[in-house]
Protein backbone atom coordinates (compact mmCIF):
# COMPACT_ATOMS: atom_id res chain seq x y z
CA UNK A 1 64.94 85.28 73.80
CA UNK A 2 65.15 81.48 73.51
CA UNK A 3 66.76 80.19 70.29
CA UNK A 4 66.47 76.47 71.05
CA UNK A 5 64.64 74.41 73.68
CA UNK A 6 65.52 70.75 74.24
CA UNK A 7 63.83 68.54 76.84
CA UNK A 8 66.23 66.55 79.00
CA UNK A 9 66.09 64.46 82.16
CA UNK A 10 66.85 67.38 84.51
CA UNK A 11 64.34 69.74 82.88
CA UNK A 12 64.88 71.82 79.75
CA UNK A 13 68.13 72.78 78.02
CA UNK A 14 67.87 76.24 76.47
CA UNK A 15 70.13 78.15 74.12
CA UNK A 16 69.47 81.84 74.67
CA UNK A 17 70.09 84.74 72.30
CA UNK A 18 71.89 86.53 75.14
CA UNK A 19 74.85 84.14 74.80
CA UNK A 20 73.86 81.62 77.46
CA UNK A 21 73.23 77.86 77.48
CA UNK A 22 71.33 76.64 80.52
CA UNK A 23 69.42 73.72 81.97
CA UNK A 24 66.41 74.79 83.98
CA UNK A 25 63.56 73.18 85.86
CA UNK A 26 60.29 74.89 86.73
CA UNK A 27 61.77 75.82 90.13
CA UNK A 28 65.46 76.58 89.53
CA UNK A 29 68.46 76.73 87.21
CA UNK A 30 70.54 73.55 87.23
CA UNK A 31 73.49 75.11 85.38
CA UNK A 32 74.25 78.13 83.19
CA UNK A 33 77.19 78.57 80.79
CA UNK A 34 78.20 81.51 78.58
CA UNK A 35 78.82 80.62 74.91
CA UNK A 36 82.37 81.95 75.10
CA UNK A 37 83.45 79.33 77.64
CA UNK A 38 82.23 76.30 75.63
CA UNK A 39 85.14 74.42 74.06
CA UNK A 40 83.53 71.17 72.90
CA UNK A 41 80.20 69.32 72.67
CA UNK A 42 80.02 65.53 72.72
CA UNK A 43 77.24 62.98 73.00
CA UNK A 44 77.52 59.46 74.36
CA UNK A 45 75.03 56.79 73.39
CA UNK A 46 72.81 55.43 76.14
CA UNK A 47 70.20 52.69 75.82
CA UNK A 48 68.02 54.78 73.51
CA UNK A 49 68.96 58.41 74.08
CA UNK A 50 72.17 60.41 74.33
CA UNK A 51 74.03 61.96 77.23
CA UNK A 52 75.29 65.40 76.26
CA UNK A 53 78.61 66.60 77.65
CA UNK A 54 79.42 70.29 77.37
CA UNK A 55 83.12 70.94 77.89
CA UNK A 56 84.03 74.42 79.11
CA UNK A 57 87.08 76.24 80.38
CA UNK A 58 85.73 75.70 83.93
CA UNK A 59 84.69 72.04 83.73
CA UNK A 60 82.24 69.59 82.18
CA UNK A 61 78.44 69.97 82.32
CA UNK A 62 76.00 67.19 81.53
CA UNK A 63 72.44 66.86 80.24
CA UNK A 64 70.96 63.37 79.97
CA UNK A 65 68.28 61.86 77.74
CA UNK A 66 68.78 64.01 74.62
CA UNK A 67 67.58 62.72 71.24
CA UNK A 68 70.09 62.54 68.36
CA UNK A 69 67.95 65.04 66.43
CA UNK A 70 68.12 67.55 69.27
CA UNK A 71 71.89 67.07 69.57
CA UNK A 72 72.24 67.85 65.84
CA UNK A 73 70.22 71.06 66.32
CA UNK A 74 72.37 72.05 69.31
CA UNK A 75 75.59 71.40 67.38
CA UNK A 76 74.24 73.60 64.55
CA UNK A 77 74.03 76.49 67.03
CA UNK A 78 77.81 76.24 67.53
CA UNK A 79 79.36 75.89 64.06
CA UNK A 80 82.75 77.07 65.37
CA UNK A 81 83.07 73.90 67.48
CA UNK A 82 84.48 71.41 65.02
CA UNK A 83 83.95 67.78 66.08
CA UNK A 84 87.16 65.92 66.83
CA UNK A 85 88.11 63.07 64.58
CA UNK A 86 88.44 59.68 66.17
CA UNK A 87 92.01 58.63 66.77
CA UNK A 88 93.23 55.58 64.99
CA UNK A 89 95.51 53.45 67.08
CA UNK A 90 98.52 52.24 65.25
CA UNK A 91 99.86 48.87 66.23
CA UNK A 92 103.58 48.45 65.91
CA UNK A 93 104.53 45.62 63.66
CA UNK A 94 106.47 42.91 65.39
CA UNK A 95 110.05 42.57 64.38
CA UNK A 96 110.39 39.74 61.87
CA UNK A 97 113.37 38.41 63.78
CA UNK A 98 111.41 38.01 67.03
CA UNK A 99 111.15 34.38 68.02
CA UNK A 100 108.19 32.95 69.86
CA UNK A 101 109.04 30.91 72.92
């Protein structure tokens, strides 16, 4: 049974009750991933839509042209995947005794 259907450039991304996430077209499956192997979900901003990256233990899978609303719904299906916080780069303060040449 299909829990969530999201249109994307390659076809349709589906989250299935059987523990599978897949992208399918009318003629074939583009990729299929079991829930257990998903380690992270990220979205990168394009011109208007997002590119979804699904990180797994085997590699990275991609679905393009996802709306932000659909990404939020997909993330809600995986509450155990906590989004990573952005790293803050710390700049070392220059030594006060350093002289400029």
